[in-house]
Amino acid sequence: MLRDARDAEQLFRNLEYWTSAFREAMRAPYGTQAIEQLLRYIALVTGNVHLERFRATIREQLPEAEEVVVTIAEELQAIGLQQGLQQGRVDLLEKQLVLKFGQLPAEVRARVEAADIEQLDRYAARILTATTLEEVFTEAE
């Protein structure tokens, strides 16, 4: 199944074959956790494009595992939302820095792209009063 997960079509072709193994694993001690880890891996490597199709297939062939798939889908959506928010902040800050200070050195772009959300917020606040690029990134002592 791990091999099949990298090729969505192969996964869907062979999923019916794996349902009895899923059912057996779910009855085993810690089987639900093992299935959850497997389904999380599958969801990650197949990508969001196939997640709904995978979920529908699980619902049809292995309805007892649907709750696990729903939980994983929600986790992946939250991660995607967080990444999207952070990337939006990076893009906006870079635009503001270019507008105020001109072309950015590669190391400044790298620093902005490596920053976490809290750092990005601090930089965005400092850009309002900074007169130099260095002032945006200088931490107060």
C-alpha atoms as a PDB file:
ATOM      1  CA  MET A   1       0.000   0.000   0.000  1.00  0.00           C
ATOM      2  CA  LEU A   2       2.874   2.394   0.732  1.00  0.00           C
ATOM      3  CA  ARG A   3       4.200   1.772  -2.781  1.00  0.00           C
ATOM      4  CA  ASP A   4       0.742   2.180  -4.324  1.00  0.00           C
ATOM      5  CA  ALA A   5       0.139   5.480  -2.505  1.00  0.00           C
ATOM      6  CA  ARG A   6       2.706   7.291  -4.658  1.00  0.00           C
ATOM      7  CA  ASP A   7       0.613   6.580  -7.765  1.00  0.00           C
ATOM      8  CA  ALA A   8      -2.986   7.618  -7.144  1.00  0.00           C
ATOM      9  CA  GLU A   9      -4.409   5.486  -9.958  1.00  0.00           C
ATOM     10  CA  GLN A  10      -2.539   2.425  -8.706  1.00  0.00           C
ATOM     11  CA  LEU A  11      -3.793   3.143  -5.186  1.00  0.00           C
ATOM     12  CA  PHE A  12      -7.423   3.327  -6.289  1.00  0.00           C
ATOM     13  CA  ARG A  13      -7.088   0.192  -8.413  1.00  0.00           C
ATOM     14  CA  ASN A  14      -5.709  -1.806  -5.491  1.00  0.00           C
ATOM     15  CA  LEU A  15      -7.604  -0.271  -2.568  1.00  0.00           C
ATOM     16  CA  GLU A  16     -10.284  -2.943  -2.625  1.00  0.00           C
ATOM     17  CA  TYR A  17      -7.542  -5.552  -2.231  1.00  0.00           C
ATOM     18  CA  TRP A  18      -6.365  -3.829   0.978  1.00  0.00           C
ATOM     19  CA  THR A  19      -9.765  -3.440   2.698  1.00  0.00           C
ATOM     20  CA  SER A  20      -9.663  -6.847   4.417  1.00  0.00           C
ATOM     21  CA  ALA A  21      -6.179  -6.037   5.768  1.00  0.00           C
ATOM     22  CA  PHE A  22      -7.519  -2.668   7.004  1.00  0.00           C
ATOM     23  CA  ARG A  23     -10.408  -4.348   8.787  1.00  0.00           C
ATOM     24  CA  GLU A  24      -8.130  -6.903  10.390  1.00  0.00           C
ATOM     25  CA  ALA A  25      -5.675  -4.219  11.494  1.00  0.00           C
ATOM     26  CA  MET A  26      -8.455  -2.089  12.980  1.00  0.00           C
ATOM     27  CA  ARG A  27      -9.450  -4.999  15.241  1.00  0.00           C
ATOM     28  CA  ALA A  28      -5.880  -5.416  16.522  1.00  0.00           C
ATOM     29  CA  PRO A  29      -4.572  -3.592  19.599  1.00  0.00           C
ATOM     30  CA  TYR A  30      -3.436  -0.139  18.431  1.00  0.00           C
ATOM     31  CA  GLY A  31      -4.699  -1.051  14.990  1.00  0.00           C
ATOM     32  CA  THR A  32      -6.692   2.151  14.617  1.00  0.00           C
ATOM     33  CA  GLN A  33      -3.556   4.205  15.341  1.00  0.00           C
ATOM     34  CA  ALA A  34      -1.599   2.176  12.780  1.00  0.00           C
ATOM     35  CA  ILE A  35      -4.313   2.698  10.167  1.00  0.00           C
ATOM     36  CA  GLU A  36      -4.385   6.404  11.015  1.00  0.00           C
ATOM     37  CA  GLN A  37      -0.637   6.678  10.398  1.00  0.00           C
ATOM     38  CA  LEU A  38      -0.941   4.793   7.125  1.00  0.00           C
ATOM     39  CA  LEU A  39      -3.854   6.930   5.925  1.00  0.00           C
ATOM     40  CA  ARG A  40      -2.038  10.130   6.948  1.00  0.00           C
ATOM     41  CA  TYR A  41       0.957   9.054   4.854  1.00  0.00           C
ATOM     42  CA  ILE A  42      -1.314   8.247   1.911  1.00  0.00           C
ATOM     43  CA  ALA A  43      -3.064  11.606   2.209  1.00  0.00           C
ATOM     44  CA  LEU A  44       0.275  13.419   2.255  1.00  0.00           C
ATOM     45  CA  VAL A  45       1.814  11.668  -0.729  1.00  0.00           C
ATOM     46  CA  THR A  46      -1.287  11.656  -2.929  1.00  0.00           C
ATOM     47  CA  GLY A  47      -1.945  15.362  -2.314  1.00  0.00           C
ATOM     48  CA  ASN A  48      -5.170  17.316  -1.899  1.00  0.00           C
ATOM     49  CA  VAL A  49      -6.212  16.661  -5.490  1.00  0.00           C
ATOM     50  CA  HIS A  50      -6.955  13.032  -4.664  1.00  0.00           C
ATOM     51  CA  LEU A  51      -7.997  13.412  -1.021  1.00  0.00           C
ATOM     52  CA  GLU A  52     -11.722  13.725  -1.774  1.00  0.00           C
ATOM     53  CA  ARG A  53     -11.625  10.761  -4.131  1.00  0.00           C
ATOM     54  CA  PHE A  54      -9.716   8.737  -1.540  1.00  0.00           C
ATOM     55  CA  ARG A  55     -12.208   9.730   1.151  1.00  0.00           C
ATOM     56  CA  ALA A  56     -15.151   8.703  -1.048  1.00  0.00           C
ATOM     57  CA  THR A  57     -13.496   5.376  -1.814  1.00  0.00           C
ATOM     58  CA  ILE A  58     -12.844   4.720   1.886  1.00  0.00           C
ATOM     59  CA  ARG A  59     -16.451   5.666   2.685  1.00  0.00           C
ATOM     60  CA  GLU A  60     -17.644   3.124   0.125  1.00  0.00           C
ATOM     61  CA  GLN A  61     -15.248   0.253   0.796  1.00  0.00           C
ATOM     62  CA  LEU A  62     -14.270   0.752   4.429  1.00  0.00           C
ATOM     63  CA  PRO A  63     -16.843   2.976   6.159  1.00  0.00           C
ATOM     64  CA  GLU A  64     -15.474   2.182   9.636  1.00  0.00           C
ATOM     65  CA  ALA A  65     -12.276   4.096   8.742  1.00  0.00           C
ATOM     66  CA  GLU A  66     -14.014   7.219   7.417  1.00  0.00           C
ATOM     67  CA  GLU A  67     -13.743   9.073  10.739  1.00  0.00           C
ATOM     68  CA  VAL A  68      -9.963   8.662  10.629  1.00  0.00           C
ATOM     69  CA  VAL A  69      -9.869   9.985   7.048  1.00  0.00           C
ATOM     70  CA  VAL A  70     -12.041  12.990   7.985  1.00  0.00           C
ATOM     71  CA  THR A  71      -9.718  13.820  10.892  1.00  0.00           C
ATOM     72  CA  ILE A  72      -6.670  13.599   8.634  1.00  0.00           C
ATOM     73  CA  ALA A  73      -8.342  15.769   5.979  1.00  0.00           C
ATOM     74  CA  GLU A  74      -9.111  18.421   8.586  1.00  0.00           C
ATOM     75  CA  GLU A  75      -5.505  18.363   9.827  1.00  0.00           C
ATOM     76  CA  LEU A  76      -4.153  18.733   6.299  1.00  0.00           C
ATOM     77  CA  GLN A  77      -6.536  21.613   5.575  1.00  0.00           C
ATOM     78  CA  ALA A  78      -5.416  23.398   8.754  1.00  0.00           C
ATOM     79  CA  ILE A  79      -1.764  22.936   7.801  1.00  0.00           C
ATOM     80  CA  GLY A  80      -2.465  24.249   4.305  1.00  0.00           C
ATOM     81  CA  LEU A  81      -4.305  27.264   5.695  1.00  0.00           C
ATOM     82  CA  GLN A  82      -1.439  28.059   8.067  1.00  0.00           C
ATOM     83  CA  GLN A  83       1.106  27.748   5.257  1.00  0.00           C
ATOM     84  CA  GLY A  84      -1.034  29.951   3.025  1.00  0.00           C
ATOM     85  CA  LEU A  85      -1.322  32.641   5.690  1.00  0.00           C
ATOM     86  CA  GLN A  86       2.413  32.616   6.278  1.00  0.00           C
ATOM     87  CA  GLN A  87       3.205  32.775   2.556  1.00  0.00           C
ATOM     88  CA  GLY A  88       0.776  35.679   2.180  1.00  0.00           C
ATOM     89  CA  ARG A  89       2.598  37.574   4.923  1.00  0.00           C
ATOM     90  CA  VAL A  90       5.962  36.850   3.311  1.00  0.00           C
ATOM     91  CA  ASP A  91       4.740  38.104  -0.071  1.00  0.00           C
ATOM     92  CA  LEU A  92       3.209  41.269   1.400  1.00  0.00           C
ATOM     93  CA  LEU A  93       6.274  42.095   3.495  1.00  0.00           C
ATOM     94  CA  GLU A  94       8.587  41.611   0.512  1.00  0.00           C
ATOM     95  CA  LYS A  95       6.404  43.952  -1.581  1.00  0.00           C
ATOM     96  CA  GLN A  96       6.420  46.574   1.165  1.00  0.00           C
ATOM     97  CA  LEU A  97      10.186  46.317   1.601  1.00  0.00           C
ATOM     98  CA  VAL A  98      10.777  46.722  -2.149  1.00  0.00           C
ATOM     99  CA  LEU A  99       8.436  49.702  -2.317  1.00  0.00           C
ATOM    100  CA  LYS A 100      10.147  51.425   0.596  1.00  0.00           C
ATOM    101  CA  PHE A 101      13.797  50.427   0.123  1.00  0.00           C
ATOM    102  CA  GLY A 102      14.142  49.222  -3.460  1.00  0.00           C
ATOM    103  CA  GLN A 103      15.642  45.959  -4.680  1.00  0.00           C
ATOM    104  CA  LEU A 104      16.231  43.500  -1.824  1.00  0.00           C
ATOM    105  CA  PRO A 105      19.496  41.634  -1.320  1.00  0.00           C
ATOM    106  CA  ALA A 106      19.213  37.851  -1.495  1.00  0.00           C
ATOM    107  CA  GLU A 107      20.020  37.501   2.202  1.00  0.00           C
ATOM    108  CA  VAL A 108      17.098  39.774   3.124  1.00  0.00           C
ATOM    109  CA  ARG A 109      14.705  37.731   0.977  1.00  0.00           C
ATOM    110  CA  ALA A 110      16.034  34.562   2.590  1.00  0.00           C
ATOM    111  CA  ARG A 111      15.548  36.024   6.063  1.00  0.00           C
ATOM    112  CA  VAL A 112      11.963  37.029   5.303  1.00  0.00           C
ATOM    113  CA  GLU A 113      11.147  33.650   3.794  1.00  0.00           C
ATOM    114  CA  ALA A 114      12.640  31.823   6.802  1.00  0.00           C
ATOM    115  CA  ALA A 115      10.781  33.948   9.357  1.00  0.00           C
ATOM    116  CA  ASP A 116       7.919  32.577  11.415  1.00  0.00           C
ATOM    117  CA  ILE A 117       4.586  34.414  11.625  1.00  0.00           C
ATOM    118  CA  GLU A 118       5.507  36.327  14.798  1.00  0.00           C
ATOM    119  CA  GLN A 119       8.740  37.586  13.232  1.00  0.00           C
ATOM    120  CA  LEU A 120       6.894  38.573  10.055  1.00  0.00           C
ATOM    121  CA  ASP A 121       4.414  40.564  12.135  1.00  0.00           C
ATOM    122  CA  ARG A 122       7.252  42.376  13.948  1.00  0.00           C
ATOM    123  CA  TYR A 123       8.983  43.195  10.657  1.00  0.00           C
ATOM    124  CA  ALA A 124       5.706  44.447   9.178  1.00  0.00           C
ATOM    125  CA  ALA A 125       5.166  46.753  12.149  1.00  0.00           C
ATOM    126  CA  ARG A 126       8.740  48.080  12.012  1.00  0.00           C
ATOM    127  CA  ILE A 127       8.575  48.877   8.311  1.00  0.00           C
ATOM    128  CA  LEU A 128       6.167  51.703   9.144  1.00  0.00           C
ATOM    129  CA  THR A 129       8.785  53.681  11.075  1.00  0.00           C
ATOM    130  CA  ALA A 130      12.089  52.295   9.795  1.00  0.00           C
ATOM    131  CA  THR A 131      14.273  54.606   7.748  1.00  0.00           C
ATOM    132  CA  THR A 132      16.701  51.863   6.735  1.00  0.00           C
ATOM    133  CA  LEU A 133      16.377  48.219   5.814  1.00  0.00           C
ATOM    134  CA  GLU A 134      18.534  47.298   8.824  1.00  0.00           C
ATOM    135  CA  GLU A 135      16.050  48.929  11.224  1.00  0.00           C
ATOM    136  CA  VAL A 136      13.326  46.551  10.059  1.00  0.00           C
ATOM    137  CA  PHE A 137      15.351  43.534  11.123  1.00  0.00           C
ATOM    138  CA  THR A 138      17.168  44.873  14.198  1.00  0.00           C
ATOM    139  CA  GLU A 139      15.744  43.330  17.362  1.00  0.00           C
ATOM    140  CA  ALA A 140      15.289  45.757  20.267  1.00  0.00           C
ATOM    141  CA  GLU A 141      17.681  45.073  23.130  1.00  0.00           C
END
